[in-house]
Amino acid sequence: MKKNLLAVLLLAAGTVFGAISVGISIGPPPPPRVIAAPASPGPGYLWVGGYWYPAGGRYVWHEGYWTRPPYAGAYWVEPHHDGKLFHEGYWDGRRGRVEHDHSWDHRRDRDFRR
């Protein structure tokens, strides 16, 4: 009985307090910079265009770069701001979504000259 009462109380508290959230909005990023992509370093590389990303309450520019996709047939979905929220870029394709991780790329020499 005590366990059931505790479970109901925790559920009720989660329902009441779970609706409260605090966030900081910095608005949409500046327009993207227009920069020509350099020549491809070789077969299998895809160009990821530069983009703005939020960092510390402001937007920071990330230069474009050549990289290899996480699997054959994957394509890059650019980061974007939908008017309310910023959405990180990611890889997608027939094998599913892969979140982009620059540290993973660097360790495997996937980012060309980064």
N, C-alpha and C. Protein backbone atom coordinates (compact mmCIF):
# COMPACT_ATOMS: atom_id res chain seq x y z
N MET A 1 0.82 -1.19 0.00
CA MET A 1 0.00 0.00 0.00
C MET A 1 0.87 1.26 0.00
N LYS A 2 1.92 1.25 0.84
CA LYS A 2 2.80 2.41 0.91
C LYS A 2 3.51 2.65 -0.42
N LYS A 3 3.89 1.58 -1.08
CA LYS A 3 4.56 1.71 -2.39
C LYS A 3 3.61 2.31 -3.42
N ASN A 4 2.35 1.88 -3.41
CA ASN A 4 1.37 2.43 -4.34
C ASN A 4 1.13 3.91 -4.08
N LEU A 5 1.02 4.29 -2.82
CA LEU A 5 0.81 5.69 -2.46
C LEU A 5 2.00 6.53 -2.89
N LEU A 6 3.20 6.03 -2.66
CA LEU A 6 4.42 6.75 -3.06
C LEU A 6 4.47 6.91 -4.58
N ALA A 7 4.11 5.86 -5.31
CA ALA A 7 4.11 5.93 -6.77
C ALA A 7 3.11 6.97 -7.28
N VAL A 8 1.92 7.02 -6.67
CA VAL A 8 0.91 8.00 -7.07
C VAL A 8 1.39 9.41 -6.76
N LEU A 9 1.99 9.61 -5.60
CA LEU A 9 2.51 10.94 -5.23
C LEU A 9 3.61 11.39 -6.18
N LEU A 10 4.53 10.49 -6.52
CA LEU A 10 5.61 10.84 -7.45
C LEU A 10 5.06 11.15 -8.83
N LEU A 11 4.09 10.40 -9.27
CA LEU A 11 3.47 10.64 -10.58
C LEU A 11 2.75 11.99 -10.59
N ALA A 12 2.02 12.29 -9.51
CA ALA A 12 1.31 13.57 -9.43
C ALA A 12 2.30 14.72 -9.39
N ALA A 13 3.38 14.58 -8.64
CA ALA A 13 4.39 15.65 -8.57
C ALA A 13 5.05 15.86 -9.93
N GLY A 14 5.31 14.78 -10.62
CA GLY A 14 5.90 14.90 -11.96
C GLY A 14 4.96 15.57 -12.93
N THR A 15 3.67 15.31 -12.79
CA THR A 15 2.68 15.94 -13.67
C THR A 15 2.59 17.43 -13.40
N VAL A 16 2.59 17.82 -12.15
CA VAL A 16 2.46 19.22 -11.78
C VAL A 16 3.75 19.99 -12.11
N PHE A 17 4.89 19.45 -11.69
CA PHE A 17 6.15 20.17 -11.86
C PHE A 17 6.81 19.91 -13.21
N GLY A 18 6.39 18.87 -13.90
CA GLY A 18 6.99 18.54 -15.19
C GLY A 18 6.66 19.55 -16.28
N ALA A 19 5.63 20.35 -16.11
CA ALA A 19 5.22 21.31 -17.12
C ALA A 19 6.00 22.61 -17.04
N ILE A 20 6.81 22.76 -16.01
CA ILE A 20 7.59 23.98 -15.85
C ILE A 20 8.93 23.81 -16.55
N SER A 21 9.28 24.78 -17.40
CA SER A 21 10.59 24.74 -18.04
C SER A 21 11.11 26.16 -18.17
N VAL A 22 12.42 26.26 -18.15
CA VAL A 22 13.08 27.56 -18.28
C VAL A 22 14.02 27.46 -19.46
N GLY A 23 13.99 28.44 -20.33
CA GLY A 23 14.87 28.42 -21.48
C GLY A 23 15.28 29.83 -21.86
N ILE A 24 16.35 29.92 -22.58
CA ILE A 24 16.84 31.21 -23.06
C ILE A 24 16.80 31.16 -24.58
N SER A 25 16.18 32.14 -25.17
CA SER A 25 16.09 32.19 -26.62
C SER A 25 16.96 33.32 -27.13
N ILE A 26 17.78 33.03 -28.12
CA ILE A 26 18.61 34.08 -28.71
C ILE A 26 18.14 34.45 -30.10
N GLY A 27 17.01 33.89 -30.51
CA GLY A 27 16.46 34.22 -31.82
C GLY A 27 17.17 33.51 -32.94
N PRO A 28 16.78 33.83 -34.17
CA PRO A 28 17.40 33.18 -35.32
C PRO A 28 18.82 33.68 -35.55
N PRO A 29 19.64 32.86 -36.22
CA PRO A 29 21.02 33.26 -36.49
C PRO A 29 21.09 34.29 -37.62
N PRO A 30 22.26 34.92 -37.78
CA PRO A 30 22.45 35.82 -38.92
C PRO A 30 22.35 35.04 -40.24
N PRO A 31 22.23 35.74 -41.36
CA PRO A 31 22.22 35.03 -42.65
C PRO A 31 23.53 34.26 -42.86
N PRO A 32 23.47 33.12 -43.54
CA PRO A 32 24.71 32.35 -43.77
C PRO A 32 25.68 33.14 -44.64
N ARG A 33 26.95 32.88 -44.43
CA ARG A 33 27.98 33.49 -45.27
C ARG A 33 28.02 32.73 -46.59
N VAL A 34 28.25 33.43 -47.67
CA VAL A 34 28.32 32.80 -48.98
C VAL A 34 29.79 32.61 -49.32
N ILE A 35 30.20 31.36 -49.33
CA ILE A 35 31.59 31.01 -49.58
C ILE A 35 31.62 29.85 -50.57
N ALA A 36 32.44 29.96 -51.61
CA ALA A 36 32.56 28.87 -52.59
C ALA A 36 33.30 27.69 -51.96
N ALA A 37 32.81 26.51 -52.23
CA ALA A 37 33.47 25.30 -51.72
C ALA A 37 34.77 25.07 -52.49
N PRO A 38 35.85 24.75 -51.79
CA PRO A 38 37.09 24.41 -52.47
C PRO A 38 36.95 23.06 -53.19
N ALA A 39 37.91 22.74 -54.01
CA ALA A 39 37.88 21.47 -54.74
C ALA A 39 37.84 20.29 -53.77
N SER A 40 37.11 19.26 -54.17
CA SER A 40 37.00 18.06 -53.35
C SER A 40 38.37 17.40 -53.17
N PRO A 41 38.65 16.89 -51.96
CA PRO A 41 39.92 16.21 -51.74
C PRO A 41 39.98 14.83 -52.38
N GLY A 42 38.83 14.31 -52.83
CA GLY A 42 38.84 13.00 -53.47
C GLY A 42 37.48 12.35 -53.43
N PRO A 43 37.39 11.17 -53.99
CA PRO A 43 36.12 10.45 -54.02
C PRO A 43 35.64 10.11 -52.60
N GLY A 44 34.33 10.11 -52.44
CA GLY A 44 33.76 9.73 -51.14
C GLY A 44 33.57 10.87 -50.17
N TYR A 45 34.04 12.07 -50.51
CA TYR A 45 33.87 13.23 -49.62
C TYR A 45 32.63 14.02 -50.03
N LEU A 46 31.94 14.56 -49.03
CA LEU A 46 30.81 15.45 -49.26
C LEU A 46 31.10 16.79 -48.60
N TRP A 47 30.62 17.86 -49.22
CA TRP A 47 30.81 19.20 -48.68
C TRP A 47 29.70 19.51 -47.68
N VAL A 48 30.09 19.90 -46.47
CA VAL A 48 29.17 20.38 -45.45
C VAL A 48 29.37 21.88 -45.42
N GLY A 49 28.36 22.63 -45.89
CA GLY A 49 28.47 24.08 -45.94
C GLY A 49 28.56 24.69 -44.55
N GLY A 50 29.16 25.87 -44.47
CA GLY A 50 29.27 26.56 -43.20
C GLY A 50 27.91 26.92 -42.63
N TYR A 51 27.86 27.06 -41.32
CA TYR A 51 26.59 27.37 -40.66
C TYR A 51 26.84 28.06 -39.32
N TRP A 52 25.83 28.77 -38.86
CA TRP A 52 25.85 29.39 -37.54
C TRP A 52 25.31 28.39 -36.53
N TYR A 53 25.90 28.33 -35.33
CA TYR A 53 25.37 27.49 -34.27
C TYR A 53 25.41 28.26 -32.95
N PRO A 54 24.46 27.99 -32.04
CA PRO A 54 24.42 28.71 -30.78
C PRO A 54 25.50 28.22 -29.82
N ALA A 55 26.16 29.18 -29.17
CA ALA A 55 27.19 28.86 -28.17
C ALA A 55 27.28 30.02 -27.19
N GLY A 56 26.98 29.75 -25.94
CA GLY A 56 27.11 30.77 -24.91
C GLY A 56 26.22 31.98 -25.11
N GLY A 57 24.99 31.79 -25.57
CA GLY A 57 24.05 32.88 -25.72
C GLY A 57 24.25 33.73 -26.98
N ARG A 58 25.05 33.25 -27.91
CA ARG A 58 25.26 33.95 -29.18
C ARG A 58 25.50 32.92 -30.26
N TYR A 59 25.56 33.38 -31.50
CA TYR A 59 25.84 32.46 -32.61
C TYR A 59 27.30 32.57 -33.02
N VAL A 60 27.87 31.42 -33.36
CA VAL A 60 29.26 31.32 -33.80
C VAL A 60 29.26 30.66 -35.18
N TRP A 61 30.09 31.17 -36.08
CA TRP A 61 30.17 30.61 -37.43
C TRP A 61 31.06 29.38 -37.45
N HIS A 62 30.59 28.33 -38.09
CA HIS A 62 31.39 27.11 -38.31
C HIS A 62 31.67 27.04 -39.80
N GLU A 63 32.94 27.11 -40.17
CA GLU A 63 33.34 27.06 -41.58
C GLU A 63 32.90 25.75 -42.23
N GLY A 64 32.62 25.80 -43.52
CA GLY A 64 32.30 24.59 -44.27
C GLY A 64 33.54 23.70 -44.40
N TYR A 65 33.33 22.45 -44.68
CA TYR A 65 34.44 21.50 -44.77
C TYR A 65 34.02 20.26 -45.55
N TRP A 66 35.03 19.57 -46.06
CA TRP A 66 34.82 18.28 -46.72
C TRP A 66 34.89 17.19 -45.67
N THR A 67 34.01 16.22 -45.74
CA THR A 67 34.04 15.09 -44.82
C THR A 67 33.45 13.87 -45.51
N ARG A 68 33.70 12.73 -44.95
CA ARG A 68 33.09 11.50 -45.44
C ARG A 68 31.82 11.23 -44.65
N PRO A 69 30.75 10.85 -45.30
CA PRO A 69 29.52 10.54 -44.56
C PRO A 69 29.72 9.30 -43.70
N PRO A 70 28.88 9.11 -42.68
CA PRO A 70 29.06 7.97 -41.79
C PRO A 70 28.81 6.62 -42.45
N TYR A 71 28.05 6.61 -43.55
CA TYR A 71 27.84 5.38 -44.32
C TYR A 71 27.48 5.75 -45.75
N ALA A 72 27.66 4.82 -46.66
CA ALA A 72 27.38 5.07 -48.09
C ALA A 72 25.92 5.44 -48.27
N GLY A 73 25.67 6.51 -49.01
CA GLY A 73 24.31 6.95 -49.29
C GLY A 73 23.76 7.95 -48.29
N ALA A 74 24.49 8.21 -47.21
CA ALA A 74 24.02 9.19 -46.23
C ALA A 74 24.15 10.59 -46.81
N TYR A 75 23.26 11.47 -46.42
CA TYR A 75 23.30 12.85 -46.87
C TYR A 75 23.20 13.78 -45.66
N TRP A 76 23.73 14.98 -45.79
CA TRP A 76 23.79 15.96 -44.71
C TRP A 76 22.50 16.79 -44.68
N VAL A 77 21.87 16.86 -43.53
CA VAL A 77 20.72 17.72 -43.30
C VAL A 77 21.25 18.93 -42.53
N GLU A 78 21.18 20.10 -43.15
CA GLU A 78 21.80 21.29 -42.58
C GLU A 78 21.12 21.72 -41.28
N PRO A 79 21.91 22.32 -40.37
CA PRO A 79 21.31 22.90 -39.17
C PRO A 79 20.39 24.05 -39.60
N HIS A 80 19.34 24.28 -38.83
CA HIS A 80 18.42 25.37 -39.19
C HIS A 80 17.67 25.87 -37.96
N HIS A 81 17.12 27.05 -38.09
CA HIS A 81 16.29 27.66 -37.06
C HIS A 81 14.88 27.74 -37.63
N ASP A 82 13.91 27.19 -36.91
CA ASP A 82 12.54 27.14 -37.45
C ASP A 82 11.68 28.34 -37.04
N GLY A 83 12.31 29.38 -36.51
CA GLY A 83 11.57 30.54 -36.03
C GLY A 83 11.41 30.54 -34.53
N LYS A 84 11.56 29.36 -33.93
CA LYS A 84 11.49 29.24 -32.47
C LYS A 84 12.71 28.54 -31.90
N LEU A 85 13.12 27.44 -32.53
CA LEU A 85 14.20 26.62 -32.01
C LEU A 85 15.29 26.40 -33.06
N PHE A 86 16.50 26.19 -32.58
CA PHE A 86 17.62 25.82 -33.44
C PHE A 86 17.69 24.30 -33.47
N HIS A 87 17.86 23.74 -34.67
CA HIS A 87 17.98 22.29 -34.84
C HIS A 87 19.36 21.98 -35.39
N GLU A 88 20.09 21.13 -34.69
CA GLU A 88 21.44 20.74 -35.10
C GLU A 88 21.40 20.00 -36.44
N GLY A 89 22.50 20.06 -37.19
CA GLY A 89 22.62 19.29 -38.41
C GLY A 89 22.87 17.83 -38.08
N TYR A 90 22.55 16.97 -39.04
CA TYR A 90 22.76 15.53 -38.83
C TYR A 90 22.84 14.84 -40.18
N TRP A 91 23.30 13.61 -40.16
CA TRP A 91 23.35 12.77 -41.35
C TRP A 91 22.10 11.91 -41.36
N ASP A 92 21.55 11.68 -42.55
CA ASP A 92 20.37 10.84 -42.67
C ASP A 92 20.49 10.00 -43.93
N GLY A 93 19.69 8.98 -44.02
CA GLY A 93 19.71 8.10 -45.18
C GLY A 93 18.97 6.81 -44.88
N ARG A 94 19.16 5.83 -45.73
CA ARG A 94 18.41 4.58 -45.59
C ARG A 94 18.74 3.81 -44.32
N ARG A 95 19.93 4.05 -43.74
CA ARG A 95 20.31 3.36 -42.50
C ARG A 95 19.97 4.17 -41.26
N GLY A 96 19.29 5.30 -41.45
CA GLY A 96 18.83 6.08 -40.30
C GLY A 96 19.66 7.31 -40.01
N ARG A 97 19.22 8.02 -39.02
CA ARG A 97 19.81 9.29 -38.61
C ARG A 97 21.08 9.07 -37.78
N VAL A 98 22.10 9.88 -38.07
CA VAL A 98 23.34 9.85 -37.30
C VAL A 98 23.66 11.27 -36.89
N GLU A 99 23.70 11.50 -35.58
CA GLU A 99 24.04 12.83 -35.09
C GLU A 99 25.49 13.12 -35.43
N HIS A 100 25.76 14.36 -35.80
CA HIS A 100 27.11 14.74 -36.19
C HIS A 100 27.97 14.99 -34.97
N ASP A 101 29.16 14.43 -34.95
CA ASP A 101 30.08 14.55 -33.83
C ASP A 101 31.47 14.86 -34.38
N HIS A 102 31.90 16.12 -34.25
CA HIS A 102 33.19 16.52 -34.81
C HIS A 102 34.36 15.77 -34.17
N SER A 103 34.28 15.48 -32.89
CA SER A 103 35.40 14.76 -32.26
C SER A 103 35.53 13.37 -32.88
N TRP A 104 34.41 12.74 -33.22
CA TRP A 104 34.44 11.44 -33.88
C TRP A 104 35.10 11.58 -35.25
N ASP A 105 34.76 12.63 -35.98
CA ASP A 105 35.35 12.86 -37.29
C ASP A 105 36.85 13.04 -37.20
N HIS A 106 37.30 13.87 -36.25
CA HIS A 106 38.74 14.15 -36.12
C HIS A 106 39.52 12.88 -35.80
N ARG A 107 38.99 12.05 -34.92
CA ARG A 107 39.71 10.83 -34.53
C ARG A 107 39.85 9.85 -35.69
N ARG A 108 38.98 9.93 -36.66
CA ARG A 108 39.01 9.00 -37.79
C ARG A 108 39.45 9.68 -39.08
N ASP A 109 40.04 10.87 -38.96
CA ASP A 109 40.54 11.60 -40.11
C ASP A 109 39.46 11.77 -41.17
N ARG A 110 38.24 12.09 -40.74
CA ARG A 110 37.13 12.24 -41.66
C ARG A 110 36.99 13.69 -42.14
N ASP A 111 37.31 14.66 -41.29
CA ASP A 111 37.26 16.06 -41.69
C ASP A 111 38.55 16.40 -42.40
N PHE A 112 38.45 16.77 -43.65
CA PHE A 112 39.65 17.06 -44.45
C PHE A 112 40.26 18.38 -44.04
N ARG A 113 41.50 18.33 -43.56
CA ARG A 113 42.27 19.52 -43.16
C ARG A 113 41.56 20.39 -42.14
N ARG A 114 40.97 19.79 -41.13
CA ARG A 114 40.33 20.55 -40.04
C ARG A 114 41.12 20.34 -38.78
